[in-house]
Amino acid sequence: MAVKVLIPTPLRNLTNNQAEVNAEGNTVKELIENLGKNFNGLKDRICDEKGNIRRFVNIYLNEEDIRFLQGEATVVKAGDQVSIVPAIAGGKY
């Protein structure tokens, strides 16, 4: 089953400049694996060397932070929308 994944601007160079892509999987973790297979380097930007979602990357399922659901084990279904949102820091001190 395909789930729509929204890609943030800083990662679009890895998805052929696509803002939205479809990914297959039953959980967020499986979606990330599928994205990694279809878009070289994308999983490496989302996950650390142990395969865990990087702490500065926020993932939302239908506008709800997966950290408040079941994390990477959060179940997804057809028609769901997943958003990848990297944290941004900076500014003038």
PDB file of N, CA and C in Angstrom:
ATOM      1  N   MET A   1       0.835  -1.173   0.000  1.00  0.00           N
ATOM      2  CA  MET A   1       0.000   0.000   0.000  1.00  0.00           C
ATOM      3  C   MET A   1       0.880   1.236   0.000  1.00  0.00           C
ATOM      4  N   ALA A   2       0.501   2.200  -0.786  1.00  0.00           N
ATOM      5  CA  ALA A   2       1.294   3.417  -0.913  1.00  0.00           C
ATOM      6  C   ALA A   2       0.804   4.492   0.058  1.00  0.00           C
ATOM      7  N   VAL A   3       1.766   5.163   0.645  1.00  0.00           N
ATOM      8  CA  VAL A   3       1.507   6.276   1.549  1.00  0.00           C
ATOM      9  C   VAL A   3       2.225   7.494   0.987  1.00  0.00           C
ATOM     10  N   LYS A   4       1.577   8.640   1.018  1.00  0.00           N
ATOM     11  CA  LYS A   4       2.193   9.878   0.529  1.00  0.00           C
ATOM     12  C   LYS A   4       3.161  10.408   1.584  1.00  0.00           C
ATOM     13  N   VAL A   5       4.372  10.717   1.153  1.00  0.00           N
ATOM     14  CA  VAL A   5       5.395  11.257   2.049  1.00  0.00           C
ATOM     15  C   VAL A   5       5.783  12.642   1.535  1.00  0.00           C
ATOM     16  N   LEU A   6       5.681  13.634   2.414  1.00  0.00           N
ATOM     17  CA  LEU A   6       6.073  14.998   2.072  1.00  0.00           C
ATOM     18  C   LEU A   6       7.558  15.175   2.372  1.00  0.00           C
ATOM     19  N   ILE A   7       8.307  15.634   1.385  1.00  0.00           N
ATOM     20  CA  ILE A   7       9.755  15.772   1.488  1.00  0.00           C
ATOM     21  C   ILE A   7      10.107  17.243   1.704  1.00  0.00           C
ATOM     22  N   PRO A   8      10.884  17.552   2.744  1.00  0.00           N
ATOM     23  CA  PRO A   8      11.266  18.946   2.977  1.00  0.00           C
ATOM     24  C   PRO A   8      12.278  19.422   1.926  1.00  0.00           C
ATOM     25  N   THR A   9      12.304  20.704   1.715  1.00  0.00           N
ATOM     26  CA  THR A   9      13.178  21.300   0.696  1.00  0.00           C
ATOM     27  C   THR A   9      14.633  20.841   0.802  1.00  0.00           C
ATOM     28  N   PRO A  10      15.251  20.789   2.008  1.00  0.00           N
ATOM     29  CA  PRO A  10      16.662  20.385   2.068  1.00  0.00           C
ATOM     30  C   PRO A  10      16.938  18.952   1.604  1.00  0.00           C
ATOM     31  N   LEU A  11      15.906  18.107   1.531  1.00  0.00           N
ATOM     32  CA  LEU A  11      16.115  16.715   1.114  1.00  0.00           C
ATOM     33  C   LEU A  11      15.623  16.430  -0.300  1.00  0.00           C
ATOM     34  N   ARG A  12      15.057  17.404  -0.946  1.00  0.00           N
ATOM     35  CA  ARG A  12      14.487  17.179  -2.279  1.00  0.00           C
ATOM     36  C   ARG A  12      15.525  16.860  -3.341  1.00  0.00           C
ATOM     37  N   ASN A  13      16.758  17.264  -3.121  1.00  0.00           N
ATOM     38  CA  ASN A  13      17.806  16.903  -4.086  1.00  0.00           C
ATOM     39  C   ASN A  13      17.998  15.386  -4.148  1.00  0.00           C
ATOM     40  N   LEU A  14      17.543  14.669  -3.114  1.00  0.00           N
ATOM     41  CA  LEU A  14      17.652  13.207  -3.087  1.00  0.00           C
ATOM     42  C   LEU A  14      16.438  12.522  -3.706  1.00  0.00           C
ATOM     43  N   THR A  15      15.369  13.298  -3.967  1.00  0.00           N
ATOM     44  CA  THR A  15      14.142  12.729  -4.542  1.00  0.00           C
ATOM     45  C   THR A  15      13.851  13.332  -5.916  1.00  0.00           C
ATOM     46  N   ASN A  16      14.887  13.710  -6.631  1.00  0.00           N
ATOM     47  CA  ASN A  16      14.726  14.315  -7.957  1.00  0.00           C
ATOM     48  C   ASN A  16      13.841  15.555  -7.893  1.00  0.00           C
ATOM     49  N   ASN A  17      14.026  16.327  -6.825  1.00  0.00           N
ATOM     50  CA  ASN A  17      13.294  17.576  -6.586  1.00  0.00           C
ATOM     51  C   ASN A  17      11.786  17.399  -6.433  1.00  0.00           C
ATOM     52  N   GLN A  18      11.375  16.217  -6.048  1.00  0.00           N
ATOM     53  CA  GLN A  18       9.956  15.969  -5.792  1.00  0.00           C
ATOM     54  C   GLN A  18       9.606  16.370  -4.359  1.00  0.00           C
ATOM     55  N   ALA A  19       8.530  17.122  -4.209  1.00  0.00           N
ATOM     56  CA  ALA A  19       8.065  17.536  -2.883  1.00  0.00           C
ATOM     57  C   ALA A  19       7.229  16.449  -2.220  1.00  0.00           C
ATOM     58  N   GLU A  20       6.648  15.566  -3.023  1.00  0.00           N
ATOM     59  CA  GLU A  20       5.848  14.454  -2.528  1.00  0.00           C
ATOM     60  C   GLU A  20       6.266  13.190  -3.262  1.00  0.00           C
ATOM     61  N   VAL A  21       6.403  12.112  -2.507  1.00  0.00           N
ATOM     62  CA  VAL A  21       6.692  10.811  -3.109  1.00  0.00           C
ATOM     63  C   VAL A  21       5.781   9.785  -2.442  1.00  0.00           C
ATOM     64  N   ASN A  22       5.637   8.654  -3.069  1.00  0.00           N
ATOM     65  CA  ASN A  22       4.896   7.553  -2.473  1.00  0.00           C
ATOM     66  C   ASN A  22       5.886   6.530  -1.965  1.00  0.00           C
ATOM     67  N   ALA A  23       5.545   5.924  -0.831  1.00  0.00           N
ATOM     68  CA  ALA A  23       6.384   4.877  -0.261  1.00  0.00           C
ATOM     69  C   ALA A  23       5.492   3.742   0.204  1.00  0.00           C
ATOM     70  N   GLU A  24       6.061   2.554   0.234  1.00  0.00           N
ATOM     71  CA  GLU A  24       5.343   1.359   0.655  1.00  0.00           C
ATOM     72  C   GLU A  24       5.800   0.952   2.047  1.00  0.00           C
ATOM     73  N   GLY A  25       4.867   0.395   2.814  1.00  0.00           N
ATOM     74  CA  GLY A  25       5.202  -0.128   4.126  1.00  0.00           C
ATOM     75  C   GLY A  25       3.992  -0.124   5.037  1.00  0.00           C
ATOM     76  N   ASN A  26       4.093  -0.920   6.097  1.00  0.00           N
ATOM     77  CA  ASN A  26       3.016  -1.000   7.075  1.00  0.00           C
ATOM     78  C   ASN A  26       3.283  -0.152   8.305  1.00  0.00           C
ATOM     79  N   THR A  27       4.540   0.248   8.484  1.00  0.00           N
ATOM     80  CA  THR A  27       4.936   1.081   9.621  1.00  0.00           C
ATOM     81  C   THR A  27       5.827   2.209   9.119  1.00  0.00           C
ATOM     82  N   VAL A  28       6.057   3.184   9.977  1.00  0.00           N
ATOM     83  CA  VAL A  28       6.955   4.283   9.618  1.00  0.00           C
ATOM     84  C   VAL A  28       8.349   3.734   9.310  1.00  0.00           C
ATOM     85  N   LYS A  29       8.807   2.790  10.088  1.00  0.00           N
ATOM     86  CA  LYS A  29      10.134   2.201   9.861  1.00  0.00           C
ATOM     87  C   LYS A  29      10.222   1.568   8.471  1.00  0.00           C
ATOM     88  N   GLU A  30       9.182   0.832   8.068  1.00  0.00           N
ATOM     89  CA  GLU A  30       9.176   0.212   6.745  1.00  0.00           C
ATOM     90  C   GLU A  30       9.126   1.267   5.642  1.00  0.00           C
ATOM     91  N   LEU A  31       8.401   2.361   5.884  1.00  0.00           N
ATOM     92  CA  LEU A  31       8.369   3.451   4.905  1.00  0.00           C
ATOM     93  C   LEU A  31       9.762   4.030   4.697  1.00  0.00           C
ATOM     94  N   ILE A  32      10.479   4.249   5.796  1.00  0.00           N
ATOM     95  CA  ILE A  32      11.829   4.807   5.707  1.00  0.00           C
ATOM     96  C   ILE A  32      12.744   3.852   4.948  1.00  0.00           C
ATOM     97  N   GLU A  33      12.619   2.553   5.207  1.00  0.00           N
ATOM     98  CA  GLU A  33      13.415   1.558   4.477  1.00  0.00           C
ATOM     99  C   GLU A  33      13.110   1.632   2.985  1.00  0.00           C
ATOM    100  N   ASN A  34      11.827   1.736   2.648  1.00  0.00           N
ATOM    101  CA  ASN A  34      11.408   1.820   1.252  1.00  0.00           C
ATOM    102  C   ASN A  34      11.936   3.087   0.596  1.00  0.00           C
ATOM    103  N   LEU A  35      11.870   4.208   1.314  1.00  0.00           N
ATOM    104  CA  LEU A  35      12.418   5.459   0.785  1.00  0.00           C
ATOM    105  C   LEU A  35      13.905   5.314   0.510  1.00  0.00           C
ATOM    106  N   GLY A  36      14.614   4.647   1.419  1.00  0.00           N
ATOM    107  CA  GLY A  36      16.047   4.446   1.244  1.00  0.00           C
ATOM    108  C   GLY A  36      16.386   3.619   0.016  1.00  0.00           C
ATOM    109  N   LYS A  37      15.535   2.643  -0.295  1.00  0.00           N
ATOM    110  CA  LYS A  37      15.759   1.805  -1.483  1.00  0.00           C
ATOM    111  C   LYS A  37      15.478   2.571  -2.771  1.00  0.00           C
ATOM    112  N   ASN A  38      14.486   3.447  -2.727  1.00  0.00           N
ATOM    113  CA  ASN A  38      14.078   4.167  -3.932  1.00  0.00           C
ATOM    114  C   ASN A  38      14.826   5.471  -4.165  1.00  0.00           C
ATOM    115  N   PHE A  39      15.389   6.043  -3.106  1.00  0.00           N
ATOM    116  CA  PHE A  39      16.075   7.333  -3.217  1.00  0.00           C
ATOM    117  C   PHE A  39      17.399   7.242  -2.452  1.00  0.00           C
ATOM    118  N   ASN A  40      18.455   7.011  -3.198  1.00  0.00           N
ATOM    119  CA  ASN A  40      19.780   6.807  -2.627  1.00  0.00           C
ATOM    120  C   ASN A  40      20.191   7.965  -1.709  1.00  0.00           C
ATOM    121  N   GLY A  41      20.548   7.636  -0.478  1.00  0.00           N
ATOM    122  CA  GLY A  41      21.040   8.623   0.474  1.00  0.00           C
ATOM    123  C   GLY A  41      19.970   9.212   1.375  1.00  0.00           C
ATOM    124  N   LEU A  42      18.694   9.007   1.043  1.00  0.00           N
ATOM    125  CA  LEU A  42      17.637   9.619   1.850  1.00  0.00           C
ATOM    126  C   LEU A  42      17.556   9.019   3.253  1.00  0.00           C
ATOM    127  N   LYS A  43      17.627   7.712   3.352  1.00  0.00           N
ATOM    128  CA  LYS A  43      17.569   7.079   4.677  1.00  0.00           C
ATOM    129  C   LYS A  43      18.734   7.547   5.546  1.00  0.00           C
ATOM    130  N   ASP A  44      19.901   7.707   4.949  1.00  0.00           N
ATOM    131  CA  ASP A  44      21.073   8.152   5.705  1.00  0.00           C
ATOM    132  C   ASP A  44      20.879   9.546   6.291  1.00  0.00           C
ATOM    133  N   ARG A  45      20.096  10.365   5.648  1.00  0.00           N
ATOM    134  CA  ARG A  45      19.823  11.716   6.154  1.00  0.00           C
ATOM    135  C   ARG A  45      18.768  11.697   7.255  1.00  0.00           C
ATOM    136  N   ILE A  46      17.885  10.685   7.218  1.00  0.00           N
ATOM    137  CA  ILE A  46      16.811  10.580   8.207  1.00  0.00           C
ATOM    138  C   ILE A  46      17.258   9.791   9.428  1.00  0.00           C
ATOM    139  N   CYS A  47      18.054   8.759   9.212  1.00  0.00           N
ATOM    140  CA  CYS A  47      18.443   7.837  10.291  1.00  0.00           C
ATOM    141  C   CYS A  47      19.936   7.898  10.578  1.00  0.00           C
ATOM    142  N   ASP A  48      20.289   7.553  11.815  1.00  0.00           N
ATOM    143  CA  ASP A  48      21.701   7.491  12.200  1.00  0.00           C
ATOM    144  C   ASP A  48      22.299   6.153  11.781  1.00  0.00           C
ATOM    145  N   GLU A  49      23.551   5.930  12.150  1.00  0.00           N
ATOM    146  CA  GLU A  49      24.262   4.713  11.745  1.00  0.00           C
ATOM    147  C   GLU A  49      23.668   3.444  12.357  1.00  0.00           C
ATOM    148  N   LYS A  50      22.864   3.571  13.420  1.00  0.00           N
ATOM    149  CA  LYS A  50      22.201   2.419  14.033  1.00  0.00           C
ATOM    150  C   LYS A  50      20.812   2.184  13.447  1.00  0.00           C
ATOM    151  N   GLY A  51      20.393   3.049  12.519  1.00  0.00           N
ATOM    152  CA  GLY A  51      19.092   2.893  11.892  1.00  0.00           C
ATOM    153  C   GLY A  51      17.958   3.590  12.615  1.00  0.00           C
ATOM    154  N   ASN A  52      18.281   4.338  13.670  1.00  0.00           N
ATOM    155  CA  ASN A  52      17.262   5.082  14.417  1.00  0.00           C
ATOM    156  C   ASN A  52      17.050   6.455  13.797  1.00  0.00           C
ATOM    157  N   ILE A  53      15.817   6.940  13.871  1.00  0.00           N
ATOM    158  CA  ILE A  53      15.530   8.277  13.356  1.00  0.00           C
ATOM    159  C   ILE A  53      16.370   9.281  14.138  1.00  0.00           C
ATOM    160  N   ARG A  54      17.061  10.142  13.408  1.00  0.00           N
ATOM    161  CA  ARG A  54      17.904  11.153  14.058  1.00  0.00           C
ATOM    162  C   ARG A  54      17.052  12.050  14.951  1.00  0.00           C
ATOM    163  N   ARG A  55      17.622  12.487  16.070  1.00  0.00           N
ATOM    164  CA  ARG A  55      16.843  13.247  17.042  1.00  0.00           C
ATOM    165  C   ARG A  55      16.395  14.606  16.524  1.00  0.00           C
ATOM    166  N   PHE A  56      17.057  15.127  15.513  1.00  0.00           N
ATOM    167  CA  PHE A  56      16.656  16.424  14.975  1.00  0.00           C
ATOM    168  C   PHE A  56      15.711  16.293  13.775  1.00  0.00           C
ATOM    169  N   VAL A  57      15.289  15.072  13.472  1.00  0.00           N
ATOM    170  CA  VAL A  57      14.320  14.855  12.397  1.00  0.00           C
ATOM    171  C   VAL A  57      12.980  14.492  13.040  1.00  0.00           C
ATOM    172  N   ASN A  58      11.969  15.280  12.728  1.00  0.00           N
ATOM    173  CA  ASN A  58      10.627  15.028  13.244  1.00  0.00           C
ATOM    174  C   ASN A  58       9.799  14.403  12.129  1.00  0.00           C
ATOM    175  N   ILE A  59       9.035  13.386  12.485  1.00  0.00           N
ATOM    176  CA  ILE A  59       8.176  12.733  11.513  1.00  0.00           C
ATOM    177  C   ILE A  59       6.747  12.772  12.043  1.00  0.00           C
ATOM    178  N   TYR A  60       5.853  13.190  11.155  1.00  0.00           N
ATOM    179  CA  TYR A  60       4.447  13.326  11.512  1.00  0.00           C
ATOM    180  C   TYR A  60       3.608  12.401  10.647  1.00  0.00           C
ATOM    181  N   LEU A  61       2.647  11.756  11.275  1.00  0.00           N
ATOM    182  CA  LEU A  61       1.664  10.955  10.570  1.00  0.00           C
ATOM    183  C   LEU A  61       0.340  11.687  10.676  1.00  0.00           C
ATOM    184  N   ASN A  62      -0.150  12.152   9.545  1.00  0.00           N
ATOM    185  CA  ASN A  62      -1.405  12.915   9.537  1.00  0.00           C
ATOM    186  C   ASN A  62      -1.366  14.044  10.569  1.00  0.00           C
ATOM    187  N   GLU A  63      -0.261  14.775  10.574  1.00  0.00           N
ATOM    188  CA  GLU A  63      -0.040  15.952  11.428  1.00  0.00           C
ATOM    189  C   GLU A  63       0.154  15.635  12.912  1.00  0.00           C
ATOM    190  N   GLU A  64       0.358  14.358  13.253  1.00  0.00           N
ATOM    191  CA  GLU A  64       0.632  13.992  14.637  1.00  0.00           C
ATOM    192  C   GLU A  64       2.052  13.445  14.738  1.00  0.00           C
ATOM    193  N   ASP A  65       2.820  13.987  15.676  1.00  0.00           N
ATOM    194  CA  ASP A  65       4.204  13.573  15.887  1.00  0.00           C
ATOM    195  C   ASP A  65       4.238  12.096  16.279  1.00  0.00           C
ATOM    196  N   ILE A  66       5.017  11.293  15.538  1.00  0.00           N
ATOM    197  CA  ILE A  66       5.057   9.855  15.833  1.00  0.00           C
ATOM    198  C   ILE A  66       5.654   9.556  17.198  1.00  0.00           C
ATOM    199  N   ARG A  67       6.372  10.512  17.793  1.00  0.00           N
ATOM    200  CA  ARG A  67       6.920  10.294  19.139  1.00  0.00           C
ATOM    201  C   ARG A  67       5.806  10.141  20.168  1.00  0.00           C
ATOM    202  N   PHE A  68       4.634  10.701  19.857  1.00  0.00           N
ATOM    203  CA  PHE A  68       3.494  10.599  20.757  1.00  0.00           C
ATOM    204  C   PHE A  68       2.562   9.461  20.351  1.00  0.00           C
ATOM    205  N   LEU A  69       2.959   8.718  19.330  1.00  0.00           N
ATOM    206  CA  LEU A  69       2.235   7.523  18.902  1.00  0.00           C
ATOM    207  C   LEU A  69       3.103   6.326  19.278  1.00  0.00           C
ATOM    208  N   GLN A  70       3.486   5.514  18.326  1.00  0.00           N
ATOM    209  CA  GLN A  70       4.356   4.362  18.614  1.00  0.00           C
ATOM    210  C   GLN A  70       5.742   4.508  17.989  1.00  0.00           C
ATOM    211  N   GLY A  71       6.167   5.738  17.752  1.00  0.00           N
ATOM    212  CA  GLY A  71       7.485   5.968  17.166  1.00  0.00           C
ATOM    213  C   GLY A  71       7.601   5.314  15.804  1.00  0.00           C
ATOM    214  N   GLU A  72       8.740   4.692  15.547  1.00  0.00           N
ATOM    215  CA  GLU A  72       8.987   4.041  14.254  1.00  0.00           C
ATOM    216  C   GLU A  72       8.026   2.893  13.989  1.00  0.00           C
ATOM    217  N   ALA A  73       7.443   2.334  15.051  1.00  0.00           N
ATOM    218  CA  ALA A  73       6.512   1.216  14.909  1.00  0.00           C
ATOM    219  C   ALA A  73       5.088   1.683  14.607  1.00  0.00           C
ATOM    220  N   THR A  74       4.879   2.985  14.475  1.00  0.00           N
ATOM    221  CA  THR A  74       3.554   3.518  14.177  1.00  0.00           C
ATOM    222  C   THR A  74       3.044   2.930  12.865  1.00  0.00           C
ATOM    223  N   VAL A  75       1.846   2.382  12.906  1.00  0.00           N
ATOM    224  CA  VAL A  75       1.231   1.756  11.738  1.00  0.00           C
ATOM    225  C   VAL A  75       0.704   2.834  10.796  1.00  0.00           C
ATOM    226  N   VAL A  76       0.935   2.625   9.501  1.00  0.00           N
ATOM    227  CA  VAL A  76       0.413   3.525   8.465  1.00  0.00           C
ATOM    228  C   VAL A  76      -0.507   2.731   7.554  1.00  0.00           C
ATOM    229  N   LYS A  77      -1.429   3.460   6.917  1.00  0.00           N
ATOM    230  CA  LYS A  77      -2.357   2.799   6.007  1.00  0.00           C
ATOM    231  C   LYS A  77      -2.553   3.660   4.765  1.00  0.00           C
ATOM    232  N   ALA A  78      -3.120   3.065   3.749  1.00  0.00           N
ATOM    233  CA  ALA A  78      -3.374   3.789   2.505  1.00  0.00           C
ATOM    234  C   ALA A  78      -4.164   5.053   2.809  1.00  0.00           C
ATOM    235  N   GLY A  79      -3.767   6.145   2.179  1.00  0.00           N
ATOM    236  CA  GLY A  79      -4.436   7.418   2.387  1.00  0.00           C
ATOM    237  C   GLY A  79      -3.790   8.285   3.453  1.00  0.00           C
ATOM    238  N   ASP A  80      -2.888   7.702   4.244  1.00  0.00           N
ATOM    239  CA  ASP A  80      -2.178   8.489   5.259  1.00  0.00           C
ATOM    240  C   ASP A  80      -1.165   9.405   4.588  1.00  0.00           C
ATOM    241  N   GLN A  81      -0.787  10.431   5.328  1.00  0.00           N
ATOM    242  CA  GLN A  81       0.245  11.360   4.863  1.00  0.00           C
ATOM    243  C   GLN A  81       1.327  11.444   5.928  1.00  0.00           C
ATOM    244  N   VAL A  82       2.559  11.234   5.514  1.00  0.00           N
ATOM    245  CA  VAL A  82       3.710  11.313   6.409  1.00  0.00           C
ATOM    246  C   VAL A  82       4.535  12.527   6.016  1.00  0.00           C
ATOM    247  N   SER A  83       4.895  13.333   7.000  1.00  0.00           N
ATOM    248  CA  SER A  83       5.728  14.520   6.771  1.00  0.00           C
ATOM    249  C   SER A  83       7.057  14.344   7.477  1.00  0.00           C
ATOM    250  N   ILE A  84       8.132  14.620   6.763  1.00  0.00           N
ATOM    251  CA  ILE A  84       9.473  14.606   7.346  1.00  0.00           C
ATOM    252  C   ILE A  84       9.858  16.063   7.554  1.00  0.00           C
ATOM    253  N   VAL A  85      10.160  16.411   8.807  1.00  0.00           N
ATOM    254  CA  VAL A  85      10.453  17.805   9.136  1.00  0.00           C
ATOM    255  C   VAL A  85      11.764  17.877   9.922  1.00  0.00           C
ATOM    256  N   PRO A  86      12.861  18.273   9.262  1.00  0.00           N
ATOM    257  CA  PRO A  86      14.110  18.433  10.007  1.00  0.00           C
ATOM    258  C   PRO A  86      14.038  19.689  10.869  1.00  0.00           C
ATOM    259  N   ALA A  87      14.568  19.598  12.083  1.00  0.00           N
ATOM    260  CA  ALA A  87      14.612  20.754  12.955  1.00  0.00           C
ATOM    261  C   ALA A  87      15.586  21.769  12.389  1.00  0.00           C
ATOM    262  N   ILE A  88      15.243  23.031  12.531  1.00  0.00           N
ATOM    263  CA  ILE A  88      16.086  24.099  12.019  1.00  0.00           C
ATOM    264  C   ILE A  88      16.472  24.988  13.201  1.00  0.00           C
ATOM    265  N   ALA A  89      17.730  25.265  13.301  1.00  0.00           N
ATOM    266  CA  ALA A  89      18.207  26.132  14.381  1.00  0.00           C
ATOM    267  C   ALA A  89      19.042  27.243  13.769  1.00  0.00           C
ATOM    268  N   GLY A  90      19.208  28.250  14.516  1.00  0.00           N
ATOM    269  CA  GLY A  90      20.043  29.344  14.043  1.00  0.00           C
ATOM    270  C   GLY A  90      19.421  30.670  14.370  1.00  0.00           C
ATOM    271  N   GLY A  91      19.966  31.673  13.770  1.00  0.00           N
ATOM    272  CA  GLY A  91      19.468  33.009  14.020  1.00  0.00           C
ATOM    273  C   GLY A  91      20.581  33.868  14.580  1.00  0.00           C
ATOM    274  N   LYS A  92      20.238  35.087  14.851  1.00  0.00           N
ATOM    275  CA  LYS A  92      21.218  36.024  15.364  1.00  0.00           C
ATOM    276  C   LYS A  92      21.215  35.988  16.877  1.00  0.00           C
ATOM    277  N   TYR A  93      22.396  35.939  17.427  1.00  0.00           N
ATOM    278  CA  TYR A  93      22.534  35.882  18.886  1.00  0.00           C
ATOM    279  C   TYR A  93      22.515  37.241  19.482  1.00  0.00           C
TER     280      TYR A  93
END
